[in-house]
């Protein structure tokens, strides 16, 4: 009982400290936009990515040291300092925290960027901070998103900005009700229904490949899972703490298909394989040790 109370206390304190620190950092980021950006875009970008890396390291400490969540990595070893797009399944809000752990181990925490919902950029602390580091915000309507996505990638490419771009390609968390709706949509459209995931939304990914061109070195396929049920934020704060399993596959950019239609099919096959891997995990409570 004492251990459970202590776990809840440390978890809540960690969250409050991180949010308070973020709000202070937001204020300095706003000042940097006024006082630094007009004179040096590079200095402005360096300051803000440094701010992001600082707060993300505190998030990692909170997860891995304070709450002591065991993280079990399998699959491919990732090279250091490589520009990449990271495709991941999305179960819970905590998925974001575990993506930080992957980036830190690859020396890319400072270069993290995210595909996120448009409403997120209005959220104090976390959302405000993302606006300063060239993240891609989506309304999930391609006719509204296309122009802003292409402009963002043009800026990243033109300025040769190093990046690790996280894309939760399902577009939202894969809850049971959303999985059921996705399965119904798959059956209506002649696609293969997935048991544990939502159908991927590949347009943003294809725009990334087209917009960043040779600046990208690889695509990383990340599969997250934990025993019995997804690892929730409530569980992270109050316990019980369980291991998080992370399986990674690396695909060199030159190995990807060339046409949009082929890339779309590639994404769907990727998610079918990912879905089967999660289904196998339910029975074995482990991912394969190496690249399948």
C-alpha atoms as a PDB file:
ATOM      1  CA  UNK A   1       0.000   0.000   0.000  1.00  0.00           C
ATOM      2  CA  UNK A   2       2.803   2.404   0.937  1.00  0.00           C
ATOM      3  CA  UNK A   3       4.582   1.630  -2.338  1.00  0.00           C
ATOM      4  CA  UNK A   4       1.411   2.346  -4.325  1.00  0.00           C
ATOM      5  CA  UNK A   5       0.855   5.691  -2.555  1.00  0.00           C
ATOM      6  CA  UNK A   6       4.506   6.645  -3.120  1.00  0.00           C
ATOM      7  CA  UNK A   7       4.250   5.714  -6.813  1.00  0.00           C
ATOM      8  CA  UNK A   8       1.149   7.900  -7.212  1.00  0.00           C
ATOM      9  CA  UNK A   9       2.831  10.780  -5.362  1.00  0.00           C
ATOM     10  CA  UNK A  10       5.997  10.695  -7.459  1.00  0.00           C
ATOM     11  CA  UNK A  11       3.961  10.378 -10.654  1.00  0.00           C
ATOM     12  CA  UNK A  12       1.751  13.368  -9.899  1.00  0.00           C
ATOM     13  CA  UNK A  13       4.688  15.492  -8.766  1.00  0.00           C
ATOM     14  CA  UNK A  14       6.583  14.630 -11.964  1.00  0.00           C
ATOM     15  CA  UNK A  15       3.626  15.683 -14.132  1.00  0.00           C
ATOM     16  CA  UNK A  16       3.123  18.969 -12.267  1.00  0.00           C
ATOM     17  CA  UNK A  17       6.818  19.844 -12.389  1.00  0.00           C
ATOM     18  CA  UNK A  18       7.001  19.105 -16.120  1.00  0.00           C
ATOM     19  CA  UNK A  19       3.885  21.175 -16.923  1.00  0.00           C
ATOM     20  CA  UNK A  20       5.059  24.139 -14.794  1.00  0.00           C
ATOM     21  CA  UNK A  21       8.507  24.006 -16.407  1.00  0.00           C
ATOM     22  CA  UNK A  22       6.935  23.825 -19.854  1.00  0.00           C
ATOM     23  CA  UNK A  23       4.888  26.960 -19.249  1.00  0.00           C
ATOM     24  CA  UNK A  24       8.022  28.846 -18.192  1.00  0.00           C
ATOM     25  CA  UNK A  25       9.823  27.583 -21.290  1.00  0.00           C
ATOM     26  CA  UNK A  26       6.851  28.619 -23.475  1.00  0.00           C
ATOM     27  CA  UNK A  27       7.335  32.193 -22.271  1.00  0.00           C
ATOM     28  CA  UNK A  28      11.021  32.179 -23.263  1.00  0.00           C
ATOM     29  CA  UNK A  29      10.139  30.592 -26.622  1.00  0.00           C
ATOM     30  CA  UNK A  30       7.712  33.421 -27.335  1.00  0.00           C
ATOM     31  CA  UNK A  31      10.437  35.916 -26.510  1.00  0.00           C
ATOM     32  CA  UNK A  32      12.817  34.103 -28.852  1.00  0.00           C
ATOM     33  CA  UNK A  33      10.282  34.512 -31.671  1.00  0.00           C
ATOM     34  CA  UNK A  34      10.208  38.268 -31.037  1.00  0.00           C
ATOM     35  CA  UNK A  35      13.849  38.970 -30.182  1.00  0.00           C
ATOM     36  CA  UNK A  36      15.873  36.282 -31.984  1.00  0.00           C
ATOM     37  CA  UNK A  37      14.021  35.029 -35.060  1.00  0.00           C
ATOM     38  CA  UNK A  38      14.061  38.354 -36.978  1.00  0.00           C
ATOM     39  CA  UNK A  39      17.875  38.298 -36.850  1.00  0.00           C
ATOM     40  CA  UNK A  40      18.751  34.596 -37.047  1.00  0.00           C
ATOM     41  CA  UNK A  41      16.435  31.762 -38.036  1.00  0.00           C
ATOM     42  CA  UNK A  42      19.167  29.250 -37.162  1.00  0.00           C
ATOM     43  CA  UNK A  43      19.661  30.625 -33.632  1.00  0.00           C
ATOM     44  CA  UNK A  44      15.894  30.657 -33.103  1.00  0.00           C
ATOM     45  CA  UNK A  45      15.621  27.032 -34.213  1.00  0.00           C
ATOM     46  CA  UNK A  46      18.588  25.915 -32.096  1.00  0.00           C
ATOM     47  CA  UNK A  47      17.166  27.525 -28.995  1.00  0.00           C
ATOM     48  CA  UNK A  48      13.728  25.982 -29.416  1.00  0.00           C
ATOM     49  CA  UNK A  49      14.902  22.473 -30.258  1.00  0.00           C
ATOM     50  CA  UNK A  50      17.167  22.745 -27.209  1.00  0.00           C
ATOM     51  CA  UNK A  51      14.147  23.667 -25.072  1.00  0.00           C
ATOM     52  CA  UNK A  52      12.252  20.666 -26.442  1.00  0.00           C
ATOM     53  CA  UNK A  53      15.143  18.285 -25.749  1.00  0.00           C
ATOM     54  CA  UNK A  54      15.474  19.619 -22.188  1.00  0.00           C
ATOM     55  CA  UNK A  55      11.850  18.967 -21.265  1.00  0.00           C
ATOM     56  CA  UNK A  56      11.751  15.626 -23.117  1.00  0.00           C
ATOM     57  CA  UNK A  57      14.743  14.398 -21.122  1.00  0.00           C
ATOM     58  CA  UNK A  58      12.824  15.167 -17.951  1.00  0.00           C
ATOM     59  CA  UNK A  59       9.913  13.131 -19.333  1.00  0.00           C
ATOM     60  CA  UNK A  60      12.274  10.206 -19.948  1.00  0.00           C
ATOM     61  CA  UNK A  61      13.654  10.481 -16.420  1.00  0.00           C
ATOM     62  CA  UNK A  62      10.108  10.503 -15.025  1.00  0.00           C
ATOM     63  CA  UNK A  63       9.178   7.343 -16.953  1.00  0.00           C
ATOM     64  CA  UNK A  64      12.390   5.322 -16.767  1.00  0.00           C
ATOM     65  CA  UNK A  65      13.906   6.442 -13.446  1.00  0.00           C
ATOM     66  CA  UNK A  66      11.164   7.825 -11.205  1.00  0.00           C
ATOM     67  CA  UNK A  67       8.384   5.427 -12.204  1.00  0.00           C
ATOM     68  CA  UNK A  68      10.922   2.767 -13.261  1.00  0.00           C
ATOM     69  CA  UNK A  69       9.051   1.400 -16.281  1.00  0.00           C
ATOM     70  CA  UNK A  70      10.999  -1.518 -17.827  1.00  0.00           C
ATOM     71  CA  UNK A  71      11.392  -1.030 -21.603  1.00  0.00           C
ATOM     72  CA  UNK A  72      12.219  -4.118 -23.671  1.00  0.00           C
ATOM     73  CA  UNK A  73      13.645  -3.406 -27.133  1.00  0.00           C
ATOM     74  CA  UNK A  74      13.750  -5.981 -29.939  1.00  0.00           C
ATOM     75  CA  UNK A  75      14.366  -5.899 -33.665  1.00  0.00           C
ATOM     76  CA  UNK A  76      16.865  -3.778 -35.569  1.00  0.00           C
ATOM     77  CA  UNK A  77      19.550  -1.647 -33.963  1.00  0.00           C
ATOM     78  CA  UNK A  78      19.279   1.941 -35.181  1.00  0.00           C
ATOM     79  CA  UNK A  79      22.249   3.983 -36.369  1.00  0.00           C
ATOM     80  CA  UNK A  80      23.057   7.257 -34.654  1.00  0.00           C
ATOM     81  CA  UNK A  81      22.171  10.646 -36.131  1.00  0.00           C
ATOM     82  CA  UNK A  82      20.118   9.436 -39.109  1.00  0.00           C
ATOM     83  CA  UNK A  83      17.239  11.421 -40.615  1.00  0.00           C
ATOM     84  CA  UNK A  84      14.162   9.201 -40.496  1.00  0.00           C
ATOM     85  CA  UNK A  85      10.396   8.935 -40.515  1.00  0.00           C
ATOM     86  CA  UNK A  86       9.065   6.826 -37.666  1.00  0.00           C
ATOM     87  CA  UNK A  87       5.785   4.968 -38.233  1.00  0.00           C
ATOM     88  CA  UNK A  88       4.165   3.680 -35.050  1.00  0.00           C
ATOM     89  CA  UNK A  89       0.919   2.202 -33.857  1.00  0.00           C
ATOM     90  CA  UNK A  90      -0.958   4.351 -31.346  1.00  0.00           C
ATOM     91  CA  UNK A  91      -2.661   2.832 -28.295  1.00  0.00           C
ATOM     92  CA  UNK A  92      -2.451   5.413 -25.501  1.00  0.00           C
ATOM     93  CA  UNK A  93      -1.108   8.879 -24.690  1.00  0.00           C
ATOM     94  CA  UNK A  94       1.906   7.188 -23.089  1.00  0.00           C
ATOM     95  CA  UNK A  95       3.047   6.071 -26.560  1.00  0.00           C
ATOM     96  CA  UNK A  96       4.453   9.579 -26.994  1.00  0.00           C
ATOM     97  CA  UNK A  97       6.674   9.141 -23.928  1.00  0.00           C
ATOM     98  CA  UNK A  98       8.087   5.863 -25.193  1.00  0.00           C
ATOM     99  CA  UNK A  99       8.905   7.432 -28.557  1.00  0.00           C
ATOM    100  CA  UNK A 100      11.108   9.859 -26.610  1.00  0.00           C
ATOM    101  CA  UNK A 101      13.023   6.918 -25.169  1.00  0.00           C
ATOM    102  CA  UNK A 102      13.704   5.556 -28.660  1.00  0.00           C
ATOM    103  CA  UNK A 103      14.925   8.935 -29.901  1.00  0.00           C
ATOM    104  CA  UNK A 104      17.212   9.463 -26.907  1.00  0.00           C
ATOM    105  CA  UNK A 105      18.935   6.134 -27.502  1.00  0.00           C
ATOM    106  CA  UNK A 106      19.592   7.132 -31.126  1.00  0.00           C
ATOM    107  CA  UNK A 107      20.906  10.606 -30.363  1.00  0.00           C
ATOM    108  CA  UNK A 108      17.922  12.313 -32.032  1.00  0.00           C
ATOM    109  CA  UNK A 109      15.922  13.730 -29.142  1.00  0.00           C
ATOM    110  CA  UNK A 110      16.711  17.304 -30.135  1.00  0.00           C
ATOM    111  CA  UNK A 111      15.559  16.637 -33.703  1.00  0.00           C
ATOM    112  CA  UNK A 112      12.149  15.120 -32.915  1.00  0.00           C
ATOM    113  CA  UNK A 113       9.176  16.450 -34.839  1.00  0.00           C
ATOM    114  CA  UNK A 114       5.612  15.190 -34.842  1.00  0.00           C
ATOM    115  CA  UNK A 115       2.507  14.797 -36.936  1.00  0.00           C
ATOM    116  CA  UNK A 116      -0.221  15.999 -34.567  1.00  0.00           C
ATOM    117  CA  UNK A 117      -3.878  16.951 -34.542  1.00  0.00           C
ATOM    118  CA  UNK A 118      -4.478  20.609 -35.389  1.00  0.00           C
ATOM    119  CA  UNK A 119      -6.245  21.238 -32.070  1.00  0.00           C
ATOM    120  CA  UNK A 120      -3.075  20.225 -30.206  1.00  0.00           C
ATOM    121  CA  UNK A 121      -1.249  23.414 -31.146  1.00  0.00           C
ATOM    122  CA  UNK A 122      -3.688  25.396 -28.975  1.00  0.00           C
ATOM    123  CA  UNK A 123      -3.034  23.310 -25.845  1.00  0.00           C
ATOM    124  CA  UNK A 124      -0.952  25.215 -23.245  1.00  0.00           C
ATOM    125  CA  UNK A 125       2.516  23.867 -22.424  1.00  0.00           C
ATOM    126  CA  UNK A 126       2.855  20.819 -24.699  1.00  0.00           C
ATOM    127  CA  UNK A 127       0.989  22.097 -27.750  1.00  0.00           C
ATOM    128  CA  UNK A 128       2.433  25.597 -27.621  1.00  0.00           C
ATOM    129  CA  UNK A 129       5.952  24.191 -27.474  1.00  0.00           C
ATOM    130  CA  UNK A 130       5.435  22.036 -30.574  1.00  0.00           C
ATOM    131  CA  UNK A 131       4.562  25.103 -32.628  1.00  0.00           C
ATOM    132  CA  UNK A 132       8.126  26.395 -32.253  1.00  0.00           C
ATOM    133  CA  UNK A 133       9.898  23.293 -33.633  1.00  0.00           C
ATOM    134  CA  UNK A 134       8.399  22.832 -37.116  1.00  0.00           C
ATOM    135  CA  UNK A 135       5.861  20.137 -36.267  1.00  0.00           C
ATOM    136  CA  UNK A 136       3.115  19.209 -38.748  1.00  0.00           C
ATOM    137  CA  UNK A 137      -0.446  19.860 -37.532  1.00  0.00           C
ATOM    138  CA  UNK A 138      -3.292  18.086 -39.331  1.00  0.00           C
ATOM    139  CA  UNK A 139      -7.034  18.667 -39.623  1.00  0.00           C
ATOM    140  CA  UNK A 140      -7.281  15.109 -41.064  1.00  0.00           C
ATOM    141  CA  UNK A 141      -8.806  16.543 -44.243  1.00  0.00           C
ATOM    142  CA  UNK A 142      -6.332  16.316 -47.109  1.00  0.00           C
ATOM    143  CA  UNK A 143      -7.851  19.255 -48.995  1.00  0.00           C
ATOM    144  CA  UNK A 144      -7.148  21.455 -45.949  1.00  0.00           C
ATOM    145  CA  UNK A 145      -3.854  19.860 -44.906  1.00  0.00           C
ATOM    146  CA  UNK A 146      -2.027  19.515 -48.213  1.00  0.00           C
ATOM    147  CA  UNK A 147      -0.822  23.114 -48.563  1.00  0.00           C
ATOM    148  CA  UNK A 148       0.484  23.452 -44.992  1.00  0.00           C
ATOM    149  CA  UNK A 149       2.162  20.019 -45.105  1.00  0.00           C
ATOM    150  CA  UNK A 150       3.959  20.777 -48.351  1.00  0.00           C
ATOM    151  CA  UNK A 151       5.063  24.213 -47.067  1.00  0.00           C
ATOM    152  CA  UNK A 152       6.451  22.670 -43.864  1.00  0.00           C
ATOM    153  CA  UNK A 153       8.434  20.041 -45.760  1.00  0.00           C
ATOM    154  CA  UNK A 154       9.698  22.619 -48.248  1.00  0.00           C
ATOM    155  CA  UNK A 155      11.095  24.626 -45.311  1.00  0.00           C
ATOM    156  CA  UNK A 156      12.668  21.532 -43.710  1.00  0.00           C
ATOM    157  CA  UNK A 157      14.230  20.457 -47.005  1.00  0.00           C
ATOM    158  CA  UNK A 158      15.431  23.891 -48.092  1.00  0.00           C
ATOM    159  CA  UNK A 159      17.170  24.521 -44.776  1.00  0.00           C
ATOM    160  CA  UNK A 160      18.473  20.931 -44.441  1.00  0.00           C
ATOM    161  CA  UNK A 161      16.988  20.692 -40.955  1.00  0.00           C
ATOM    162  CA  UNK A 162      17.884  17.403 -39.195  1.00  0.00           C
ATOM    163  CA  UNK A 163      14.789  15.497 -38.118  1.00  0.00           C
ATOM    164  CA  UNK A 164      13.163  12.423 -36.674  1.00  0.00           C
ATOM    165  CA  UNK A 165       9.523  12.747 -37.752  1.00  0.00           C
ATOM    166  CA  UNK A 166       6.975  10.720 -35.756  1.00  0.00           C
ATOM    167  CA  UNK A 167       3.879   9.642 -37.660  1.00  0.00           C
ATOM    168  CA  UNK A 168       1.106   7.759 -35.833  1.00  0.00           C
ATOM    169  CA  UNK A 169      -0.339   6.735 -39.183  1.00  0.00           C
ATOM    170  CA  UNK A 170      -3.645   5.512 -37.759  1.00  0.00           C
ATOM    171  CA  UNK A 171      -4.453   9.179 -37.079  1.00  0.00           C
ATOM    172  CA  UNK A 172      -5.813   8.550 -33.592  1.00  0.00           C
ATOM    173  CA  UNK A 173      -5.638   6.020 -30.760  1.00  0.00           C
ATOM    174  CA  UNK A 174      -6.828   2.516 -31.625  1.00  0.00           C
ATOM    175  CA  UNK A 175      -9.623   2.089 -29.089  1.00  0.00           C
ATOM    176  CA  UNK A 176     -11.978  -0.947 -29.325  1.00  0.00           C
ATOM    177  CA  UNK A 177     -14.812   1.154 -30.761  1.00  0.00           C
ATOM    178  CA  UNK A 178     -12.546   2.772 -33.355  1.00  0.00           C
ATOM    179  CA  UNK A 179     -11.094  -0.601 -34.348  1.00  0.00           C
ATOM    180  CA  UNK A 180     -14.618  -1.907 -34.887  1.00  0.00           C
ATOM    181  CA  UNK A 181     -15.489   1.105 -37.065  1.00  0.00           C
ATOM    182  CA  UNK A 182     -12.236   0.677 -39.004  1.00  0.00           C
ATOM    183  CA  UNK A 183     -13.029  -2.990 -39.628  1.00  0.00           C
ATOM    184  CA  UNK A 184     -16.460  -2.069 -40.978  1.00  0.00           C
ATOM    185  CA  UNK A 185     -14.872   0.522 -43.276  1.00  0.00           C
ATOM    186  CA  UNK A 186     -12.338  -2.058 -44.495  1.00  0.00           C
ATOM    187  CA  UNK A 187     -15.079  -4.516 -45.377  1.00  0.00           C
ATOM    188  CA  UNK A 188     -17.024  -1.824 -47.249  1.00  0.00           C
ATOM    189  CA  UNK A 189     -13.990  -0.798 -49.284  1.00  0.00           C
ATOM    190  CA  UNK A 190     -12.522  -4.234 -49.976  1.00  0.00           C
ATOM    191  CA  UNK A 191      -9.486  -3.844 -47.695  1.00  0.00           C
ATOM    192  CA  UNK A 192      -8.219  -6.388 -45.191  1.00  0.00           C
ATOM    193  CA  UNK A 193      -9.652  -5.655 -41.704  1.00  0.00           C
ATOM    194  CA  UNK A 194      -7.140  -5.408 -38.863  1.00  0.00           C
ATOM    195  CA  UNK A 195      -7.752  -6.985 -35.452  1.00  0.00           C
ATOM    196  CA  UNK A 196      -5.683  -4.680 -33.249  1.00  0.00           C
ATOM    197  CA  UNK A 197      -5.032  -1.561 -35.321  1.00  0.00           C
ATOM    198  CA  UNK A 198      -6.823   1.033 -37.399  1.00  0.00           C
ATOM    199  CA  UNK A 199      -6.314   1.212 -41.136  1.00  0.00           C
ATOM    200  CA  UNK A 200      -3.310   3.458 -41.889  1.00  0.00           C
ATOM    201  CA  UNK A 201      -3.690   6.915 -43.428  1.00  0.00           C
ATOM    202  CA  UNK A 202      -0.762   7.022 -45.870  1.00  0.00           C
ATOM    203  CA  UNK A 203      -1.157  10.436 -47.518  1.00  0.00           C
ATOM    204  CA  UNK A 204       0.898  12.332 -44.941  1.00  0.00           C
ATOM    205  CA  UNK A 205       3.609   9.683 -45.129  1.00  0.00           C
ATOM    206  CA  UNK A 206       3.738   9.876 -48.928  1.00  0.00           C
ATOM    207  CA  UNK A 207       3.908  13.682 -48.747  1.00  0.00           C
ATOM    208  CA  UNK A 208       6.838  13.292 -46.341  1.00  0.00           C
ATOM    209  CA  UNK A 209       8.736  11.018 -48.730  1.00  0.00           C
ATOM    210  CA  UNK A 210       8.082  13.364 -51.646  1.00  0.00           C
ATOM    211  CA  UNK A 211       8.796  16.579 -49.732  1.00  0.00           C
ATOM    212  CA  UNK A 212      12.014  15.578 -47.957  1.00  0.00           C
ATOM    213  CA  UNK A 213      13.487  13.613 -50.881  1.00  0.00           C
ATOM    214  CA  UNK A 214      17.135  12.581 -50.409  1.00  0.00           C
ATOM    215  CA  UNK A 215      17.271  14.302 -47.014  1.00  0.00           C
ATOM    216  CA  UNK A 216      15.629  11.171 -45.571  1.00  0.00           C
ATOM    217  CA  UNK A 217      17.814   8.150 -44.891  1.00  0.00           C
ATOM    218  CA  UNK A 218      15.328   5.579 -43.583  1.00  0.00           C
ATOM    219  CA  UNK A 219      11.865   4.685 -42.348  1.00  0.00           C
ATOM    220  CA  UNK A 220      11.545   3.036 -38.920  1.00  0.00           C
ATOM    221  CA  UNK A 221       8.555   0.817 -38.241  1.00  0.00           C
ATOM    222  CA  UNK A 222       7.892   0.868 -34.479  1.00  0.00           C
ATOM    223  CA  UNK A 223       5.423  -1.511 -32.842  1.00  0.00           C
ATOM    224  CA  UNK A 224       4.406  -0.853 -29.233  1.00  0.00           C
ATOM    225  CA  UNK A 225       2.651  -3.331 -26.986  1.00  0.00           C
ATOM    226  CA  UNK A 226       2.346  -4.326 -23.349  1.00  0.00           C
ATOM    227  CA  UNK A 227       0.885  -7.381 -21.702  1.00  0.00           C
ATOM    228  CA  UNK A 228      -2.890  -7.718 -21.252  1.00  0.00           C
ATOM    229  CA  UNK A 229      -3.863  -4.153 -22.265  1.00  0.00           C
ATOM    230  CA  UNK A 230      -2.353  -0.855 -23.483  1.00  0.00           C
ATOM    231  CA  UNK A 231      -0.191   1.076 -21.001  1.00  0.00           C
ATOM    232  CA  UNK A 232      -2.343   4.024 -19.916  1.00  0.00           C
ATOM    233  CA  UNK A 233      -1.279   7.350 -18.386  1.00  0.00           C
ATOM    234  CA  UNK A 234      -3.314   6.526 -15.282  1.00  0.00           C
ATOM    235  CA  UNK A 235      -1.381   3.287 -14.919  1.00  0.00           C
ATOM    236  CA  UNK A 236       1.922   5.117 -15.392  1.00  0.00           C
ATOM    237  CA  UNK A 237       1.060   7.469 -12.515  1.00  0.00           C
ATOM    238  CA  UNK A 238      -0.737   5.146 -10.094  1.00  0.00           C
ATOM    239  CA  UNK A 239       0.576   1.705 -11.105  1.00  0.00           C
ATOM    240  CA  UNK A 240       0.875  -1.144 -11.367  1.00  0.00           C
ATOM    241  CA  UNK A 241       3.961  -0.652 -13.512  1.00  0.00           C
ATOM    242  CA  UNK A 242       4.386  -3.184 -16.322  1.00  0.00           C
ATOM    243  CA  UNK A 243       7.040  -3.607 -19.035  1.00  0.00           C
ATOM    244  CA  UNK A 244       6.622  -1.842 -22.356  1.00  0.00           C
ATOM    245  CA  UNK A 245       7.758  -3.852 -25.378  1.00  0.00           C
ATOM    246  CA  UNK A 246       9.091  -1.976 -28.422  1.00  0.00           C
ATOM    247  CA  UNK A 247       9.934  -3.717 -31.697  1.00  0.00           C
ATOM    248  CA  UNK A 248      11.767  -1.750 -34.408  1.00  0.00           C
ATOM    249  CA  UNK A 249      12.315  -2.459 -38.089  1.00  0.00           C
ATOM    250  CA  UNK A 250      14.536  -0.232 -40.220  1.00  0.00           C
ATOM    251  CA  UNK A 251      13.873   0.244 -43.955  1.00  0.00           C
ATOM    252  CA  UNK A 252      16.468   2.185 -45.996  1.00  0.00           C
ATOM    253  CA  UNK A 253      14.743   4.905 -47.991  1.00  0.00           C
ATOM    254  CA  UNK A 254      16.068   3.475 -51.278  1.00  0.00           C
ATOM    255  CA  UNK A 255      14.273   0.180 -50.531  1.00  0.00           C
ATOM    256  CA  UNK A 256      10.829   1.824 -50.579  1.00  0.00           C
ATOM    257  CA  UNK A 257       8.626   1.660 -53.674  1.00  0.00           C
ATOM    258  CA  UNK A 258       8.589   4.692 -55.953  1.00  0.00           C
ATOM    259  CA  UNK A 259       4.996   5.415 -56.984  1.00  0.00           C
ATOM    260  CA  UNK A 260       2.246   6.753 -54.718  1.00  0.00           C
ATOM    261  CA  UNK A 261       0.097   3.673 -55.363  1.00  0.00           C
ATOM    262  CA  UNK A 262       2.948   1.347 -54.444  1.00  0.00           C
ATOM    263  CA  UNK A 263       3.730   3.356 -51.292  1.00  0.00           C
ATOM    264  CA  UNK A 264       0.072   3.141 -50.277  1.00  0.00           C
ATOM    265  CA  UNK A 265       0.116  -0.633 -50.727  1.00  0.00           C
ATOM    266  CA  UNK A 266       3.429  -0.814 -48.835  1.00  0.00           C
ATOM    267  CA  UNK A 267       1.906   1.022 -45.853  1.00  0.00           C
ATOM    268  CA  UNK A 268      -1.096  -1.299 -45.793  1.00  0.00           C
ATOM    269  CA  UNK A 269       1.135  -4.388 -45.892  1.00  0.00           C
ATOM    270  CA  UNK A 270       3.278  -2.888 -43.133  1.00  0.00           C
ATOM    271  CA  UNK A 271       0.209  -2.509 -40.897  1.00  0.00           C
ATOM    272  CA  UNK A 272      -1.055  -5.993 -41.728  1.00  0.00           C
ATOM    273  CA  UNK A 273       2.304  -7.391 -40.593  1.00  0.00           C
ATOM    274  CA  UNK A 274       2.282  -5.151 -37.526  1.00  0.00           C
ATOM    275  CA  UNK A 275      -1.230  -6.320 -36.668  1.00  0.00           C
ATOM    276  CA  UNK A 276      -0.150  -9.967 -36.888  1.00  0.00           C
ATOM    277  CA  UNK A 277       2.873  -9.245 -34.712  1.00  0.00           C
ATOM    278  CA  UNK A 278       0.631  -7.764 -32.010  1.00  0.00           C
ATOM    279  CA  UNK A 279      -1.711 -10.742 -32.318  1.00  0.00           C
ATOM    280  CA  UNK A 280       1.244 -13.088 -31.760  1.00  0.00           C
ATOM    281  CA  UNK A 281       2.381 -10.942 -28.828  1.00  0.00           C
ATOM    282  CA  UNK A 282      -0.936 -11.567 -27.083  1.00  0.00           C
ATOM    283  CA  UNK A 283      -0.094 -15.268 -26.931  1.00  0.00           C
ATOM    284  CA  UNK A 284       3.643 -15.098 -26.214  1.00  0.00           C
ATOM    285  CA  UNK A 285       4.038 -11.736 -24.388  1.00  0.00           C
ATOM    286  CA  UNK A 286       7.116 -11.019 -26.461  1.00  0.00           C
ATOM    287  CA  UNK A 287       8.124  -9.759 -29.861  1.00  0.00           C
ATOM    288  CA  UNK A 288      10.596 -11.641 -32.080  1.00  0.00           C
ATOM    289  CA  UNK A 289      14.162 -10.872 -31.054  1.00  0.00           C
ATOM    290  CA  UNK A 290      15.266  -9.809 -34.511  1.00  0.00           C
ATOM    291  CA  UNK A 291      13.905  -8.340 -37.742  1.00  0.00           C
ATOM    292  CA  UNK A 292      11.295 -10.757 -39.107  1.00  0.00           C
END
